[in-house]
């Protein structure tokens, strides 16, 4: 999550009316609290999903590196 993303989340939570949203799109002036929270929820879930995918990529990379290290240790013993 980028620092400006945190600013967007904080602004939504305190009800600050910015002129643009996190995607740089103009905000609707008469947006209700429930609409704003729904949009915020969607945004947070997308960020969460992105982070989960990143973690999965790191897990795969870690397992590959571990396997390579184990193979190298076996070869050095021989």
PDB file of N, CA and C in Angstrom:
ATOM      1  N   UNK A   1       0.853  -1.172   0.000  1.00  0.00           N
ATOM      2  CA  UNK A   1       0.000   0.000   0.000  1.00  0.00           C
ATOM      3  C   UNK A   1       0.898   1.234   0.000  1.00  0.00           C
ATOM      4  N   UNK A   2       0.650   2.141  -0.856  1.00  0.00           N
ATOM      5  CA  UNK A   2       1.443   3.356  -0.983  1.00  0.00           C
ATOM      6  C   UNK A   2       1.047   4.353   0.103  1.00  0.00           C
ATOM      7  N   UNK A   3       1.961   5.275   0.466  1.00  0.00           N
ATOM      8  CA  UNK A   3       1.610   6.281   1.483  1.00  0.00           C
ATOM      9  C   UNK A   3       0.354   7.067   1.134  1.00  0.00           C
ATOM     10  N   UNK A   4       0.161   7.402  -0.151  1.00  0.00           N
ATOM     11  CA  UNK A   4      -1.055   8.131  -0.511  1.00  0.00           C
ATOM     12  C   UNK A   4      -2.283   7.244  -0.362  1.00  0.00           C
ATOM     13  N   UNK A   5      -2.102   5.912  -0.411  1.00  0.00           N
ATOM     14  CA  UNK A   5      -3.216   5.001  -0.171  1.00  0.00           C
ATOM     15  C   UNK A   5      -3.652   5.082   1.286  1.00  0.00           C
ATOM     16  N   UNK A   6      -2.675   5.150   2.202  1.00  0.00           N
ATOM     17  CA  UNK A   6      -3.011   5.309   3.612  1.00  0.00           C
ATOM     18  C   UNK A   6      -3.765   6.614   3.825  1.00  0.00           C
ATOM     19  N   UNK A   7      -3.331   7.655   3.141  1.00  0.00           N
ATOM     20  CA  UNK A   7      -4.005   8.945   3.253  1.00  0.00           C
ATOM     21  C   UNK A   7      -5.446   8.824   2.782  1.00  0.00           C
ATOM     22  N   UNK A   8      -5.662   8.094   1.682  1.00  0.00           N
ATOM     23  CA  UNK A   8      -7.015   7.908   1.173  1.00  0.00           C
ATOM     24  C   UNK A   8      -7.879   7.182   2.199  1.00  0.00           C
ATOM     25  N   UNK A   9      -7.344   6.096   2.776  1.00  0.00           N
ATOM     26  CA  UNK A   9      -8.107   5.324   3.764  1.00  0.00           C
ATOM     27  C   UNK A   9      -8.429   6.196   4.966  1.00  0.00           C
ATOM     28  N   UNK A  10      -7.444   6.909   5.474  1.00  0.00           N
ATOM     29  CA  UNK A  10      -7.686   7.785   6.628  1.00  0.00           C
ATOM     30  C   UNK A  10      -8.714   8.860   6.309  1.00  0.00           C
ATOM     31  N   UNK A  11      -8.619   9.448   5.134  1.00  0.00           N
ATOM     32  CA  UNK A  11      -9.584  10.477   4.750  1.00  0.00           C
ATOM     33  C   UNK A  11     -10.990   9.910   4.678  1.00  0.00           C
ATOM     34  N   UNK A  12     -11.126   8.696   4.169  1.00  0.00           N
ATOM     35  CA  UNK A  12     -12.453   8.075   4.111  1.00  0.00           C
ATOM     36  C   UNK A  12     -12.995   7.815   5.507  1.00  0.00           C
ATOM     37  N   UNK A  13     -12.129   7.346   6.397  1.00  0.00           N
ATOM     38  CA  UNK A  13     -12.582   7.016   7.740  1.00  0.00           C
ATOM     39  C   UNK A  13     -13.016   8.248   8.523  1.00  0.00           C
ATOM     40  N   UNK A  14     -12.347   9.368   8.336  1.00  0.00           N
ATOM     41  CA  UNK A  14     -12.723  10.576   9.075  1.00  0.00           C
ATOM     42  C   UNK A  14     -13.757  11.402   8.334  1.00  0.00           C
ATOM     43  N   UNK A  15     -14.091  11.008   7.122  1.00  0.00           N
ATOM     44  CA  UNK A  15     -15.116  11.714   6.370  1.00  0.00           C
ATOM     45  C   UNK A  15     -14.614  12.938   5.645  1.00  0.00           C
ATOM     46  N   UNK A  16     -13.315  13.066   5.503  1.00  0.00           N
ATOM     47  CA  UNK A  16     -12.740  14.203   4.777  1.00  0.00           C
ATOM     48  C   UNK A  16     -13.139  14.104   3.316  1.00  0.00           C
ATOM     49  N   UNK A  17     -13.642  15.190   2.767  1.00  0.00           N
ATOM     50  CA  UNK A  17     -14.067  15.194   1.371  1.00  0.00           C
ATOM     51  C   UNK A  17     -12.946  15.729   0.489  1.00  0.00           C
ATOM     52  N   UNK A  18     -12.200  14.835  -0.111  1.00  0.00           N
ATOM     53  CA  UNK A  18     -11.152  15.226  -1.053  1.00  0.00           C
ATOM     54  C   UNK A  18     -11.803  15.477  -2.409  1.00  0.00           C
ATOM     55  N   UNK A  19     -11.019  15.975  -3.339  1.00  0.00           N
ATOM     56  CA  UNK A  19     -11.567  16.241  -4.669  1.00  0.00           C
ATOM     57  C   UNK A  19     -11.373  15.063  -5.611  1.00  0.00           C
ATOM     58  N   UNK A  20     -10.429  14.174  -5.267  1.00  0.00           N
ATOM     59  CA  UNK A  20     -10.207  12.979  -6.085  1.00  0.00           C
ATOM     60  C   UNK A  20     -10.087  11.770  -5.172  1.00  0.00           C
ATOM     61  N   UNK A  21     -10.375  10.582  -5.720  1.00  0.00           N
ATOM     62  CA  UNK A  21     -10.257   9.358  -4.936  1.00  0.00           C
ATOM     63  C   UNK A  21      -8.873   8.755  -5.125  1.00  0.00           C
ATOM     64  N   UNK A  22      -8.679   7.518  -4.635  1.00  0.00           N
ATOM     65  CA  UNK A  22      -7.367   6.878  -4.692  1.00  0.00           C
ATOM     66  C   UNK A  22      -6.913   6.575  -6.110  1.00  0.00           C
ATOM     67  N   UNK A  23      -7.832   6.553  -7.058  1.00  0.00           N
ATOM     68  CA  UNK A  23      -7.488   6.279  -8.448  1.00  0.00           C
ATOM     69  C   UNK A  23      -7.351   7.558  -9.257  1.00  0.00           C
ATOM     70  N   UNK A  24      -7.481   8.703  -8.588  1.00  0.00           N
ATOM     71  CA  UNK A  24      -7.374   9.982  -9.270  1.00  0.00           C
ATOM     72  C   UNK A  24      -8.646  10.398  -9.985  1.00  0.00           C
ATOM     73  N   UNK A  25      -9.750   9.702  -9.686  1.00  0.00           N
ATOM     74  CA  UNK A  25     -11.025  10.036 -10.318  1.00  0.00           C
ATOM     75  C   UNK A  25     -11.774  11.046  -9.449  1.00  0.00           C
ATOM     76  N   UNK A  26     -12.528  11.956 -10.055  1.00  0.00           N
ATOM     77  CA  UNK A  26     -13.289  12.934  -9.270  1.00  0.00           C
ATOM     78  C   UNK A  26     -14.305  12.241  -8.358  1.00  0.00           C
ATOM     79  N   UNK A  27     -14.425  12.767  -7.142  1.00  0.00           N
ATOM     80  CA  UNK A  27     -15.389  12.209  -6.197  1.00  0.00           C
ATOM     81  C   UNK A  27     -16.784  12.759  -6.456  1.00  0.00           C
ATOM     82  N   UNK A  28     -17.769  11.959  -6.128  1.00  0.00           N
ATOM     83  CA  UNK A  28     -19.156  12.390  -6.211  1.00  0.00           C
ATOM     84  C   UNK A  28     -19.440  13.208  -4.952  1.00  0.00           C
ATOM     85  N   UNK A  29     -19.972  14.408  -5.112  1.00  0.00           N
ATOM     86  CA  UNK A  29     -20.176  15.287  -3.959  1.00  0.00           C
ATOM     87  C   UNK A  29     -21.217  14.749  -2.992  1.00  0.00           C
ATOM     88  N   UNK A  30     -22.239  14.092  -3.492  1.00  0.00           N
ATOM     89  CA  UNK A  30     -23.329  13.622  -2.640  1.00  0.00           C
ATOM     90  C   UNK A  30     -23.192  12.142  -2.304  1.00  0.00           C
ATOM     91  N   UNK A  31     -21.974  11.657  -2.234  1.00  0.00           N
ATOM     92  CA  UNK A  31     -21.747  10.250  -1.929  1.00  0.00           C
ATOM     93  C   UNK A  31     -22.128   9.982  -0.470  1.00  0.00           C
ATOM     94  N   UNK A  32     -22.919   8.944  -0.244  1.00  0.00           N
ATOM     95  CA  UNK A  32     -23.339   8.624   1.116  1.00  0.00           C
ATOM     96  C   UNK A  32     -22.206   7.916   1.857  1.00  0.00           C
ATOM     97  N   UNK A  33     -22.344   7.862   3.180  1.00  0.00           N
ATOM     98  CA  UNK A  33     -21.335   7.180   3.991  1.00  0.00           C
ATOM     99  C   UNK A  33     -21.239   5.709   3.617  1.00  0.00           C
ATOM    100  N   UNK A  34     -22.378   5.080   3.375  1.00  0.00           N
ATOM    101  CA  UNK A  34     -22.344   3.653   3.031  1.00  0.00           C
ATOM    102  C   UNK A  34     -21.669   3.426   1.683  1.00  0.00           C
ATOM    103  N   UNK A  35     -21.903   4.333   0.730  1.00  0.00           N
ATOM    104  CA  UNK A  35     -21.220   4.213  -0.566  1.00  0.00           C
ATOM    105  C   UNK A  35     -19.716   4.393  -0.406  1.00  0.00           C
ATOM    106  N   UNK A  36     -19.342   5.374   0.404  1.00  0.00           N
ATOM    107  CA  UNK A  36     -17.921   5.629   0.630  1.00  0.00           C
ATOM    108  C   UNK A  36     -17.266   4.436   1.329  1.00  0.00           C
ATOM    109  N   UNK A  37     -17.943   3.868   2.320  1.00  0.00           N
ATOM    110  CA  UNK A  37     -17.389   2.717   3.030  1.00  0.00           C
ATOM    111  C   UNK A  37     -17.349   1.482   2.131  1.00  0.00           C
ATOM    112  N   UNK A  38     -18.327   1.333   1.255  1.00  0.00           N
ATOM    113  CA  UNK A  38     -18.321   0.209   0.320  1.00  0.00           C
ATOM    114  C   UNK A  38     -17.143   0.336  -0.641  1.00  0.00           C
ATOM    115  N   UNK A  39     -16.907   1.539  -1.116  1.00  0.00           N
ATOM    116  CA  UNK A  39     -15.787   1.776  -2.022  1.00  0.00           C
ATOM    117  C   UNK A  39     -14.458   1.553  -1.293  1.00  0.00           C
ATOM    118  N   UNK A  40     -14.388   2.013  -0.054  1.00  0.00           N
ATOM    119  CA  UNK A  40     -13.194   1.813   0.754  1.00  0.00           C
ATOM    120  C   UNK A  40     -12.957   0.328   1.013  1.00  0.00           C
ATOM    121  N   UNK A  41     -14.019  -0.389   1.335  1.00  0.00           N
ATOM    122  CA  UNK A  41     -13.916  -1.825   1.579  1.00  0.00           C
ATOM    123  C   UNK A  41     -13.401  -2.558   0.347  1.00  0.00           C
ATOM    124  N   UNK A  42     -13.927  -2.200  -0.803  1.00  0.00           N
ATOM    125  CA  UNK A  42     -13.479  -2.815  -2.053  1.00  0.00           C
ATOM    126  C   UNK A  42     -12.007  -2.526  -2.293  1.00  0.00           C
ATOM    127  N   UNK A  43     -11.624  -1.290  -2.060  1.00  0.00           N
ATOM    128  CA  UNK A  43     -10.227  -0.892  -2.251  1.00  0.00           C
ATOM    129  C   UNK A  43      -9.296  -1.675  -1.322  1.00  0.00           C
ATOM    130  N   UNK A  44      -9.674  -1.781  -0.047  1.00  0.00           N
ATOM    131  CA  UNK A  44      -8.852  -2.497   0.929  1.00  0.00           C
ATOM    132  C   UNK A  44      -8.766  -3.975   0.577  1.00  0.00           C
ATOM    133  N   UNK A  45      -9.864  -4.576   0.159  1.00  0.00           N
ATOM    134  CA  UNK A  45      -9.841  -5.992  -0.214  1.00  0.00           C
ATOM    135  C   UNK A  45      -8.959  -6.223  -1.435  1.00  0.00           C
ATOM    136  N   UNK A  46      -8.973  -5.307  -2.387  1.00  0.00           N
ATOM    137  CA  UNK A  46      -8.089  -5.432  -3.550  1.00  0.00           C
ATOM    138  C   UNK A  46      -6.627  -5.348  -3.132  1.00  0.00           C
ATOM    139  N   UNK A  47      -6.312  -4.410  -2.240  1.00  0.00           N
ATOM    140  CA  UNK A  47      -4.939  -4.293  -1.735  1.00  0.00           C
ATOM    141  C   UNK A  47      -4.539  -5.570  -1.001  1.00  0.00           C
ATOM    142  N   UNK A  48      -5.444  -6.104  -0.191  1.00  0.00           N
ATOM    143  CA  UNK A  48      -5.181  -7.328   0.564  1.00  0.00           C
ATOM    144  C   UNK A  48      -4.920  -8.492  -0.385  1.00  0.00           C
ATOM    145  N   UNK A  49      -5.731  -8.618  -1.423  1.00  0.00           N
ATOM    146  CA  UNK A  49      -5.558  -9.683  -2.404  1.00  0.00           C
ATOM    147  C   UNK A  49      -4.216  -9.553  -3.113  1.00  0.00           C
ATOM    148  N   UNK A  50      -3.838  -8.330  -3.461  1.00  0.00           N
ATOM    149  CA  UNK A  50      -2.534  -8.104  -4.097  1.00  0.00           C
ATOM    150  C   UNK A  50      -1.399  -8.550  -3.186  1.00  0.00           C
ATOM    151  N   UNK A  51      -1.512  -8.241  -1.900  1.00  0.00           N
ATOM    152  CA  UNK A  51      -0.464  -8.633  -0.943  1.00  0.00           C
ATOM    153  C   UNK A  51      -0.412 -10.145  -0.778  1.00  0.00           C
ATOM    154  N   UNK A  52      -1.561 -10.799  -0.760  1.00  0.00           N
ATOM    155  CA  UNK A  52      -1.569 -12.262  -0.657  1.00  0.00           C
ATOM    156  C   UNK A  52      -0.891 -12.905  -1.857  1.00  0.00           C
ATOM    157  N   UNK A  53      -1.150 -12.383  -3.037  1.00  0.00           N
ATOM    158  CA  UNK A  53      -0.501 -12.915  -4.236  1.00  0.00           C
ATOM    159  C   UNK A  53       1.007 -12.705  -4.170  1.00  0.00           C
ATOM    160  N   UNK A  54       1.422 -11.558  -3.659  1.00  0.00           N
ATOM    161  CA  UNK A  54       2.851 -11.280  -3.523  1.00  0.00           C
ATOM    162  C   UNK A  54       3.495 -12.252  -2.538  1.00  0.00           C
ATOM    163  N   UNK A  55       2.808 -12.538  -1.438  1.00  0.00           N
ATOM    164  CA  UNK A  55       3.317 -13.494  -0.454  1.00  0.00           C
ATOM    165  C   UNK A  55       3.455 -14.878  -1.081  1.00  0.00           C
ATOM    166  N   UNK A  56       2.478 -15.288  -1.866  1.00  0.00           N
ATOM    167  CA  UNK A  56       2.552 -16.598  -2.520  1.00  0.00           C
ATOM    168  C   UNK A  56       3.741 -16.670  -3.474  1.00  0.00           C
ATOM    169  N   UNK A  57       3.999 -15.591  -4.205  1.00  0.00           N
ATOM    170  CA  UNK A  57       5.169 -15.567  -5.100  1.00  0.00           C
ATOM    171  C   UNK A  57       6.459 -15.705  -4.300  1.00  0.00           C
ATOM    172  N   UNK A  58       6.543 -15.021  -3.161  1.00  0.00           N
ATOM    173  CA  UNK A  58       7.736 -15.123  -2.326  1.00  0.00           C
ATOM    174  C   UNK A  58       7.889 -16.520  -1.742  1.00  0.00           C
ATOM    175  N   UNK A  59       6.790 -17.159  -1.374  1.00  0.00           N
ATOM    176  CA  UNK A  59       6.856 -18.526  -0.851  1.00  0.00           C
ATOM    177  C   UNK A  59       7.430 -19.475  -1.888  1.00  0.00           C
ATOM    178  N   UNK A  60       6.960 -19.355  -3.121  1.00  0.00           N
ATOM    179  CA  UNK A  60       7.452 -20.215  -4.204  1.00  0.00           C
ATOM    180  C   UNK A  60       8.937 -19.961  -4.423  1.00  0.00           C
ATOM    181  N   UNK A  61       9.323 -18.705  -4.466  1.00  0.00           N
ATOM    182  CA  UNK A  61      10.736 -18.359  -4.671  1.00  0.00           C
ATOM    183  C   UNK A  61      11.588 -18.893  -3.522  1.00  0.00           C
ATOM    184  N   UNK A  62      11.088 -18.780  -2.288  1.00  0.00           N
ATOM    185  CA  UNK A  62      11.816 -19.285  -1.128  1.00  0.00           C
ATOM    186  C   UNK A  62      11.996 -20.794  -1.221  1.00  0.00           C
ATOM    187  N   UNK A  63      10.950 -21.520  -1.608  1.00  0.00           N
ATOM    188  CA  UNK A  63      11.047 -22.973  -1.735  1.00  0.00           C
ATOM    189  C   UNK A  63      12.041 -23.370  -2.818  1.00  0.00           C
ATOM    190  N   UNK A  64      12.053 -22.648  -3.928  1.00  0.00           N
ATOM    191  CA  UNK A  64      13.015 -22.932  -4.993  1.00  0.00           C
ATOM    192  C   UNK A  64      14.440 -22.694  -4.504  1.00  0.00           C
ATOM    193  N   UNK A  65      14.648 -21.590  -3.798  1.00  0.00           N
ATOM    194  CA  UNK A  65      15.981 -21.297  -3.266  1.00  0.00           C
ATOM    195  C   UNK A  65      16.414 -22.338  -2.244  1.00  0.00           C
ATOM    196  N   UNK A  66      15.487 -22.772  -1.421  1.00  0.00           N
ATOM    197  CA  UNK A  66      15.798 -23.794  -0.419  1.00  0.00           C
ATOM    198  C   UNK A  66      16.192 -25.095  -1.104  1.00  0.00           C
ATOM    199  N   UNK A  67      15.467 -25.459  -2.147  1.00  0.00           N
ATOM    200  CA  UNK A  67      15.783 -26.682  -2.883  1.00  0.00           C
ATOM    201  C   UNK A  67      17.167 -26.579  -3.515  1.00  0.00           C
ATOM    202  N   UNK A  68      17.485 -25.432  -4.102  1.00  0.00           N
ATOM    203  CA  UNK A  68      18.809 -25.230  -4.694  1.00  0.00           C
ATOM    204  C   UNK A  68      19.912 -25.315  -3.640  1.00  0.00           C
ATOM    205  N   UNK A  69      19.666 -24.750  -2.464  1.00  0.00           N
ATOM    206  CA  UNK A  69      20.655 -24.830  -1.378  1.00  0.00           C
ATOM    207  C   UNK A  69      20.847 -26.269  -0.928  1.00  0.00           C
ATOM    208  N   UNK A  70      19.754 -27.015  -0.799  1.00  0.00           N
ATOM    209  CA  UNK A  70      19.853 -28.420  -0.399  1.00  0.00           C
ATOM    210  C   UNK A  70      20.629 -29.224  -1.438  1.00  0.00           C
ATOM    211  N   UNK A  71      20.352 -28.978  -2.718  1.00  0.00           N
ATOM    212  CA  UNK A  71      21.080 -29.669  -3.788  1.00  0.00           C
ATOM    213  C   UNK A  71      22.567 -29.332  -3.737  1.00  0.00           C
ATOM    214  N   UNK A  72      22.887 -28.074  -3.503  1.00  0.00           N
ATOM    215  CA  UNK A  72      24.291 -27.653  -3.430  1.00  0.00           C
ATOM    216  C   UNK A  72      24.989 -28.300  -2.242  1.00  0.00           C
ATOM    217  N   UNK A  73      24.303 -28.414  -1.112  1.00  0.00           N
ATOM    218  CA  UNK A  73      24.892 -29.063   0.068  1.00  0.00           C
ATOM    219  C   UNK A  73      25.158 -30.536  -0.205  1.00  0.00           C
ATOM    220  N   UNK A  74      24.222 -31.203  -0.885  1.00  0.00           N
ATOM    221  CA  UNK A  74      24.401 -32.624  -1.204  1.00  0.00           C
ATOM    222  C   UNK A  74      25.597 -32.814  -2.131  1.00  0.00           C
ATOM    223  N   UNK A  75      25.739 -31.943  -3.127  1.00  0.00           N
ATOM    224  CA  UNK A  75      26.858 -32.053  -4.071  1.00  0.00           C
ATOM    225  C   UNK A  75      28.190 -31.787  -3.382  1.00  0.00           C
ATOM    226  N   UNK A  76      28.207 -30.865  -2.434  1.00  0.00           N
ATOM    227  CA  UNK A  76      29.464 -30.542  -1.751  1.00  0.00           C
ATOM    228  C   UNK A  76      29.903 -31.673  -0.828  1.00  0.00           C
ATOM    229  N   UNK A  77      28.960 -32.469  -0.336  1.00  0.00           N
ATOM    230  CA  UNK A  77      29.291 -33.606   0.525  1.00  0.00           C
ATOM    231  C   UNK A  77      29.885 -34.750  -0.284  1.00  0.00           C
ATOM    232  N   UNK A  78      29.509 -34.851  -1.546  1.00  0.00           N
ATOM    233  CA  UNK A  78      29.976 -35.954  -2.396  1.00  0.00           C
ATOM    234  C   UNK A  78      31.346 -35.710  -2.875  1.00  0.00           C
TER     235      UNK A  78
END
